[in-house]
Amino acid sequence: YVTFSALPFQGDFMSRLQATVVHSVFVLFLAAMYTSQMLAFNGSQDGTCRLASAVFWAAWGVLGFIVAASFFAFHKSCRWLLSSALIRHIHTATMHYHTSPEPPLKLFLNDGGLIECLGLISLL
């Protein structure tokens, strides 16, 4: 990854902070999944199952919102999501290419691989 900033240390610190926030959301998602599973298996009351269901769907909602918002990184309010390697892997898997007048804080550079050997970049 190449970091873009007038002050490299400030850019590196900000991108690490932003990536930590996104990674924390993923960790909290896994913790919420574990909590909802424990509530569902150990709870015998109807209220416990409803709580487990609420925790489960809230966790999926937050994770879905973060991932969906990362595809709108051309807007300044969502730009910080591109600092996460997890989001970058999701974008790579879906073959999403970020286009914006301003570069992201971190730019992923590669040699082209099979896409470049097939000439697909020149066709786009």
N, C-alpha and C. Protein backbone atom coordinates (compact mmCIF):
# COMPACT_ATOMS: atom_id res chain seq x y z
N TYR A 1 0.84 -1.19 0.00
CA TYR A 1 0.00 0.00 0.00
C TYR A 1 0.87 1.24 0.00
N VAL A 2 0.45 2.23 -0.74
CA VAL A 2 1.14 3.51 -0.79
C VAL A 2 0.26 4.53 -0.10
N THR A 3 0.82 5.29 0.84
CA THR A 3 0.05 6.27 1.59
C THR A 3 0.19 7.64 0.96
N PHE A 4 -0.94 8.33 0.74
CA PHE A 4 -0.96 9.66 0.18
C PHE A 4 -1.24 10.67 1.28
N SER A 5 -0.36 11.65 1.44
CA SER A 5 -0.59 12.73 2.39
C SER A 5 0.54 13.72 2.25
N ALA A 6 0.24 14.98 2.55
CA ALA A 6 1.30 15.99 2.56
C ALA A 6 2.25 15.73 3.73
N LEU A 7 1.69 15.24 4.82
CA LEU A 7 2.48 14.87 6.00
C LEU A 7 2.40 13.35 6.14
N PRO A 8 3.44 12.61 5.75
CA PRO A 8 3.34 11.15 5.72
C PRO A 8 2.99 10.52 7.06
N PHE A 9 3.53 11.04 8.15
CA PHE A 9 3.24 10.44 9.46
C PHE A 9 1.79 10.66 9.86
N GLN A 10 1.25 11.84 9.53
CA GLN A 10 -0.14 12.11 9.84
C GLN A 10 -1.05 11.20 9.01
N GLY A 11 -0.73 11.03 7.72
CA GLY A 11 -1.52 10.16 6.86
C GLY A 11 -1.46 8.72 7.32
N ASP A 12 -0.28 8.26 7.74
CA ASP A 12 -0.14 6.89 8.20
C ASP A 12 -0.92 6.68 9.49
N PHE A 13 -0.85 7.64 10.42
CA PHE A 13 -1.58 7.52 11.68
C PHE A 13 -3.08 7.51 11.43
N MET A 14 -3.56 8.42 10.57
CA MET A 14 -4.99 8.49 10.30
C MET A 14 -5.48 7.22 9.61
N SER A 15 -4.72 6.70 8.66
CA SER A 15 -5.17 5.49 7.97
C SER A 15 -5.18 4.30 8.92
N ARG A 16 -4.22 4.23 9.83
CA ARG A 16 -4.23 3.14 10.82
C ARG A 16 -5.40 3.27 11.79
N LEU A 17 -5.68 4.50 12.20
CA LEU A 17 -6.82 4.72 13.09
C LEU A 17 -8.12 4.34 12.40
N GLN A 18 -8.28 4.74 11.15
CA GLN A 18 -9.50 4.43 10.41
C GLN A 18 -9.63 2.93 10.17
N ALA A 19 -8.52 2.27 9.85
CA ALA A 19 -8.56 0.82 9.66
C ALA A 19 -8.88 0.11 10.96
N THR A 20 -8.39 0.63 12.08
CA THR A 20 -8.70 0.03 13.38
C THR A 20 -10.18 0.13 13.69
N VAL A 21 -10.81 1.24 13.33
CA VAL A 21 -12.25 1.39 13.56
C VAL A 21 -13.02 0.35 12.75
N VAL A 22 -12.65 0.17 11.49
CA VAL A 22 -13.35 -0.82 10.65
C VAL A 22 -13.11 -2.23 11.18
N HIS A 23 -11.89 -2.54 11.58
CA HIS A 23 -11.59 -3.87 12.12
C HIS A 23 -12.34 -4.10 13.42
N SER A 24 -12.52 -3.05 14.22
CA SER A 24 -13.29 -3.17 15.47
C SER A 24 -14.73 -3.52 15.17
N VAL A 25 -15.29 -2.96 14.10
CA VAL A 25 -16.67 -3.30 13.72
C VAL A 25 -16.76 -4.78 13.37
N PHE A 26 -15.77 -5.31 12.64
CA PHE A 26 -15.78 -6.73 12.30
C PHE A 26 -15.64 -7.59 13.55
N VAL A 27 -14.79 -7.20 14.48
CA VAL A 27 -14.63 -7.96 15.73
C VAL A 27 -15.90 -7.90 16.56
N LEU A 28 -16.53 -6.73 16.64
CA LEU A 28 -17.79 -6.63 17.38
C LEU A 28 -18.89 -7.44 16.71
N PHE A 29 -18.85 -7.54 15.38
CA PHE A 29 -19.81 -8.39 14.67
C PHE A 29 -19.66 -9.85 15.12
N LEU A 30 -18.42 -10.34 15.16
CA LEU A 30 -18.19 -11.71 15.59
C LEU A 30 -18.59 -11.92 17.04
N ALA A 31 -18.33 -10.93 17.89
CA ALA A 31 -18.72 -11.03 19.30
C ALA A 31 -20.25 -11.04 19.43
N ALA A 32 -20.93 -10.25 18.62
CA ALA A 32 -22.40 -10.24 18.65
C ALA A 32 -22.97 -11.56 18.16
N MET A 33 -22.34 -12.16 17.15
CA MET A 33 -22.79 -13.47 16.67
C MET A 33 -22.64 -14.52 17.77
N TYR A 34 -21.52 -14.49 18.46
CA TYR A 34 -21.29 -15.43 19.56
C TYR A 34 -22.31 -15.20 20.68
N THR A 35 -22.54 -13.94 21.01
CA THR A 35 -23.50 -13.62 22.08
C THR A 35 -24.90 -14.07 21.71
N SER A 36 -25.32 -13.83 20.49
CA SER A 36 -26.67 -14.24 20.09
C SER A 36 -26.80 -15.76 20.09
N GLN A 37 -25.72 -16.46 19.73
CA GLN A 37 -25.76 -17.92 19.76
C GLN A 37 -25.89 -18.42 21.20
N MET A 38 -25.12 -17.83 22.12
CA MET A 38 -25.21 -18.25 23.52
C MET A 38 -26.58 -17.94 24.11
N LEU A 39 -27.13 -16.79 23.76
CA LEU A 39 -28.47 -16.45 24.25
C LEU A 39 -29.51 -17.41 23.70
N ALA A 40 -29.40 -17.79 22.45
CA ALA A 40 -30.38 -18.68 21.84
C ALA A 40 -30.30 -20.10 22.42
N PHE A 41 -29.08 -20.59 22.66
CA PHE A 41 -28.92 -21.95 23.16
C PHE A 41 -29.20 -22.07 24.65
N ASN A 42 -28.83 -21.07 25.42
CA ASN A 42 -28.97 -21.15 26.87
C ASN A 42 -30.29 -20.59 27.38
N GLY A 43 -30.96 -19.80 26.58
CA GLY A 43 -32.20 -19.19 27.04
C GLY A 43 -33.40 -20.08 26.80
N SER A 44 -34.20 -20.21 27.82
CA SER A 44 -35.42 -21.01 27.69
C SER A 44 -36.66 -20.11 27.69
N GLN A 45 -36.46 -18.84 27.94
CA GLN A 45 -37.59 -17.92 27.97
C GLN A 45 -37.77 -17.29 26.60
N ASP A 46 -39.00 -16.86 26.34
CA ASP A 46 -39.30 -16.25 25.05
C ASP A 46 -38.57 -14.93 24.88
N GLY A 47 -38.38 -14.17 25.94
CA GLY A 47 -37.67 -12.89 25.86
C GLY A 47 -36.21 -13.05 25.48
N THR A 48 -35.60 -14.14 25.92
CA THR A 48 -34.20 -14.39 25.60
C THR A 48 -34.02 -14.67 24.11
N CYS A 49 -34.95 -15.41 23.52
CA CYS A 49 -34.86 -15.69 22.09
C CYS A 49 -35.07 -14.42 21.27
N ARG A 50 -35.97 -13.57 21.73
CA ARG A 50 -36.18 -12.30 21.03
C ARG A 50 -34.94 -11.41 21.14
N LEU A 51 -34.30 -11.41 22.30
CA LEU A 51 -33.07 -10.64 22.47
C LEU A 51 -31.96 -11.19 21.57
N ALA A 52 -31.85 -12.52 21.50
CA ALA A 52 -30.85 -13.14 20.63
C ALA A 52 -31.11 -12.77 19.17
N SER A 53 -32.36 -12.78 18.78
CA SER A 53 -32.71 -12.40 17.41
C SER A 53 -32.39 -10.93 17.14
N ALA A 54 -32.66 -10.07 18.10
CA ALA A 54 -32.37 -8.65 17.94
C ALA A 54 -30.87 -8.40 17.83
N VAL A 55 -30.08 -9.06 18.66
CA VAL A 55 -28.62 -8.92 18.60
C VAL A 55 -28.10 -9.44 17.26
N PHE A 56 -28.62 -10.56 16.82
CA PHE A 56 -28.20 -11.17 15.55
C PHE A 56 -28.45 -10.23 14.38
N TRP A 57 -29.67 -9.72 14.27
CA TRP A 57 -30.01 -8.87 13.13
C TRP A 57 -29.39 -7.48 13.22
N ALA A 58 -29.18 -6.98 14.42
CA ALA A 58 -28.51 -5.68 14.57
C ALA A 58 -27.05 -5.79 14.12
N ALA A 59 -26.40 -6.89 14.47
CA ALA A 59 -25.00 -7.09 14.06
C ALA A 59 -24.90 -7.19 12.54
N TRP A 60 -25.80 -7.94 11.92
CA TRP A 60 -25.79 -8.04 10.46
C TRP A 60 -26.11 -6.70 9.82
N GLY A 61 -26.99 -5.93 10.43
CA GLY A 61 -27.34 -4.62 9.89
C GLY A 61 -26.16 -3.66 9.91
N VAL A 62 -25.44 -3.62 11.02
CA VAL A 62 -24.27 -2.72 11.12
C VAL A 62 -23.18 -3.15 10.15
N LEU A 63 -22.90 -4.45 10.08
CA LEU A 63 -21.88 -4.93 9.16
C LEU A 63 -22.28 -4.67 7.71
N GLY A 64 -23.54 -4.91 7.39
CA GLY A 64 -24.01 -4.65 6.03
C GLY A 64 -23.94 -3.18 5.67
N PHE A 65 -24.24 -2.31 6.63
CA PHE A 65 -24.16 -0.88 6.38
C PHE A 65 -22.73 -0.44 6.11
N ILE A 66 -21.78 -0.94 6.90
CA ILE A 66 -20.37 -0.56 6.72
C ILE A 66 -19.87 -1.05 5.36
N VAL A 67 -20.17 -2.29 5.01
CA VAL A 67 -19.71 -2.82 3.72
C VAL A 67 -20.38 -2.08 2.57
N ALA A 68 -21.68 -1.83 2.68
CA ALA A 68 -22.38 -1.11 1.61
C ALA A 68 -21.86 0.33 1.47
N ALA A 69 -21.59 0.98 2.59
CA ALA A 69 -21.08 2.35 2.55
C ALA A 69 -19.69 2.42 1.94
N SER A 70 -18.92 1.34 2.04
CA SER A 70 -17.57 1.36 1.47
C SER A 70 -17.59 1.43 -0.05
N PHE A 71 -18.68 1.03 -0.67
CA PHE A 71 -18.78 1.12 -2.12
C PHE A 71 -19.10 2.54 -2.58
N PHE A 72 -19.44 3.42 -1.64
CA PHE A 72 -19.70 4.83 -1.94
C PHE A 72 -18.58 5.71 -1.42
N ALA A 73 -17.35 5.23 -1.54
CA ALA A 73 -16.18 5.93 -1.00
C ALA A 73 -15.83 7.17 -1.80
N PHE A 74 -16.48 7.39 -2.93
CA PHE A 74 -16.24 8.64 -3.66
C PHE A 74 -16.79 9.83 -2.89
N HIS A 75 -17.74 9.56 -1.97
CA HIS A 75 -18.27 10.62 -1.11
C HIS A 75 -17.34 10.78 0.08
N LYS A 76 -17.09 12.00 0.49
CA LYS A 76 -16.10 12.25 1.55
C LYS A 76 -16.46 11.61 2.88
N SER A 77 -17.75 11.43 3.16
CA SER A 77 -18.14 10.85 4.45
C SER A 77 -17.83 9.36 4.52
N CYS A 78 -17.69 8.69 3.40
CA CYS A 78 -17.40 7.25 3.37
C CYS A 78 -15.97 6.93 2.96
N ARG A 79 -15.18 7.93 2.67
CA ARG A 79 -13.83 7.74 2.14
C ARG A 79 -12.91 7.01 3.12
N TRP A 80 -13.11 7.22 4.40
CA TRP A 80 -12.25 6.64 5.41
C TRP A 80 -12.34 5.11 5.45
N LEU A 81 -13.40 4.53 4.89
CA LEU A 81 -13.55 3.08 4.92
C LEU A 81 -12.52 2.37 4.04
N LEU A 82 -11.94 3.08 3.09
CA LEU A 82 -10.96 2.45 2.19
C LEU A 82 -9.62 2.19 2.87
N SER A 83 -9.44 2.65 4.10
CA SER A 83 -8.18 2.43 4.81
C SER A 83 -8.05 1.00 5.34
N SER A 84 -9.12 0.26 5.34
CA SER A 84 -9.12 -1.09 5.90
C SER A 84 -8.74 -2.13 4.85
N ALA A 85 -7.86 -3.03 5.23
CA ALA A 85 -7.48 -4.13 4.34
C ALA A 85 -8.65 -5.09 4.14
N LEU A 86 -9.50 -5.26 5.16
CA LEU A 86 -10.66 -6.13 5.02
C LEU A 86 -11.62 -5.60 3.96
N ILE A 87 -11.86 -4.31 3.97
CA ILE A 87 -12.72 -3.69 2.97
C ILE A 87 -12.08 -3.81 1.60
N ARG A 88 -10.78 -3.65 1.53
CA ARG A 88 -10.08 -3.78 0.25
C ARG A 88 -10.22 -5.19 -0.31
N HIS A 89 -10.16 -6.20 0.55
CA HIS A 89 -10.33 -7.58 0.10
C HIS A 89 -11.75 -7.83 -0.41
N ILE A 90 -12.73 -7.23 0.26
CA ILE A 90 -14.12 -7.35 -0.21
C ILE A 90 -14.26 -6.69 -1.57
N HIS A 91 -13.65 -5.53 -1.75
CA HIS A 91 -13.72 -4.84 -3.04
C HIS A 91 -12.99 -5.64 -4.12
N THR A 92 -11.88 -6.27 -3.78
CA THR A 92 -11.16 -7.08 -4.75
C THR A 92 -12.00 -8.30 -5.15
N ALA A 93 -12.65 -8.93 -4.18
CA ALA A 93 -13.47 -10.10 -4.47
C ALA A 93 -14.67 -9.76 -5.35
N THR A 94 -15.21 -8.57 -5.20
CA THR A 94 -16.35 -8.16 -6.01
C THR A 94 -15.92 -7.41 -7.27
N MET A 95 -14.60 -7.31 -7.49
CA MET A 95 -14.02 -6.62 -8.65
C MET A 95 -14.49 -5.17 -8.74
N HIS A 96 -14.55 -4.52 -7.59
CA HIS A 96 -14.93 -3.11 -7.53
C HIS A 96 -13.67 -2.26 -7.59
N TYR A 97 -13.67 -1.28 -8.48
CA TYR A 97 -12.54 -0.37 -8.61
C TYR A 97 -12.97 1.02 -8.17
N HIS A 98 -12.25 1.57 -7.21
CA HIS A 98 -12.57 2.88 -6.67
C HIS A 98 -12.21 3.96 -7.69
N THR A 99 -13.16 4.80 -8.03
CA THR A 99 -12.90 5.94 -8.89
C THR A 99 -13.39 7.19 -8.19
N SER A 100 -12.53 8.19 -8.15
CA SER A 100 -12.83 9.43 -7.45
C SER A 100 -11.85 10.49 -7.93
N PRO A 101 -12.23 11.78 -7.85
CA PRO A 101 -11.28 12.82 -8.20
C PRO A 101 -10.05 12.85 -7.28
N GLU A 102 -10.23 12.40 -6.05
CA GLU A 102 -9.13 12.37 -5.08
C GLU A 102 -8.74 10.92 -4.81
N PRO A 103 -7.45 10.62 -4.69
CA PRO A 103 -7.05 9.24 -4.40
C PRO A 103 -7.39 8.88 -2.95
N PRO A 104 -7.60 7.59 -2.67
CA PRO A 104 -7.81 7.17 -1.28
C PRO A 104 -6.54 7.36 -0.47
N LEU A 105 -6.66 7.26 0.85
CA LEU A 105 -5.47 7.42 1.69
C LEU A 105 -4.43 6.33 1.42
N LYS A 106 -4.89 5.14 1.05
CA LYS A 106 -3.98 4.06 0.69
C LYS A 106 -4.36 3.56 -0.69
N LEU A 107 -3.35 3.39 -1.51
CA LEU A 107 -3.56 2.94 -2.88
C LEU A 107 -2.93 1.56 -3.03
N PHE A 108 -3.69 0.62 -3.55
CA PHE A 108 -3.22 -0.74 -3.74
C PHE A 108 -2.59 -0.85 -5.13
N LEU A 109 -1.31 -1.18 -5.17
CA LEU A 109 -0.59 -1.33 -6.43
C LEU A 109 -0.22 -2.79 -6.64
N ASN A 110 -0.42 -3.27 -7.87
CA ASN A 110 0.01 -4.63 -8.18
C ASN A 110 0.57 -4.66 -9.60
N ASP A 111 1.00 -5.82 -10.05
CA ASP A 111 1.62 -5.93 -11.37
C ASP A 111 0.61 -6.23 -12.47
N GLY A 112 -0.65 -6.32 -12.16
CA GLY A 112 -1.66 -6.60 -13.18
C GLY A 112 -2.11 -8.04 -13.17
N GLY A 113 -1.21 -8.97 -12.99
CA GLY A 113 -1.56 -10.38 -12.91
C GLY A 113 -2.26 -10.88 -14.15
N LEU A 114 -3.21 -11.78 -13.98
CA LEU A 114 -3.92 -12.37 -15.11
C LEU A 114 -4.79 -11.36 -15.84
N ILE A 115 -5.30 -10.38 -15.14
CA ILE A 115 -6.15 -9.39 -15.79
C ILE A 115 -5.35 -8.64 -16.85
N GLU A 116 -4.13 -8.27 -16.51
CA GLU A 116 -3.30 -7.53 -17.46
C GLU A 116 -2.82 -8.43 -18.60
N CYS A 117 -2.53 -9.69 -18.32
CA CYS A 117 -2.07 -10.60 -19.36
C CYS A 117 -3.15 -10.86 -20.40
N LEU A 118 -4.39 -10.83 -19.98
CA LEU A 118 -5.49 -11.05 -20.92
C LEU A 118 -5.87 -9.80 -21.71
N GLY A 119 -5.35 -8.65 -21.31
CA GLY A 119 -5.66 -7.42 -22.01
C GLY A 119 -7.00 -6.83 -21.64
N LEU A 120 -7.55 -7.23 -20.50
CA LEU A 120 -8.87 -6.74 -20.10
C LEU A 120 -8.85 -5.29 -19.69
N ILE A 121 -7.73 -4.81 -19.13
CA ILE A 121 -7.65 -3.41 -18.70
C ILE A 121 -7.76 -2.50 -19.91
N SER A 122 -7.11 -2.84 -21.02
CA SER A 122 -7.18 -1.98 -22.20
C SER A 122 -8.56 -2.01 -22.84
N LEU A 123 -9.31 -3.07 -22.63
CA LEU A 123 -10.67 -3.13 -23.16
C LEU A 123 -11.64 -2.29 -22.36
N LEU A 124 -11.32 -2.06 -21.10
CA LEU A 124 -12.22 -1.26 -20.26
C LEU A 124 -12.05 0.18 -20.61
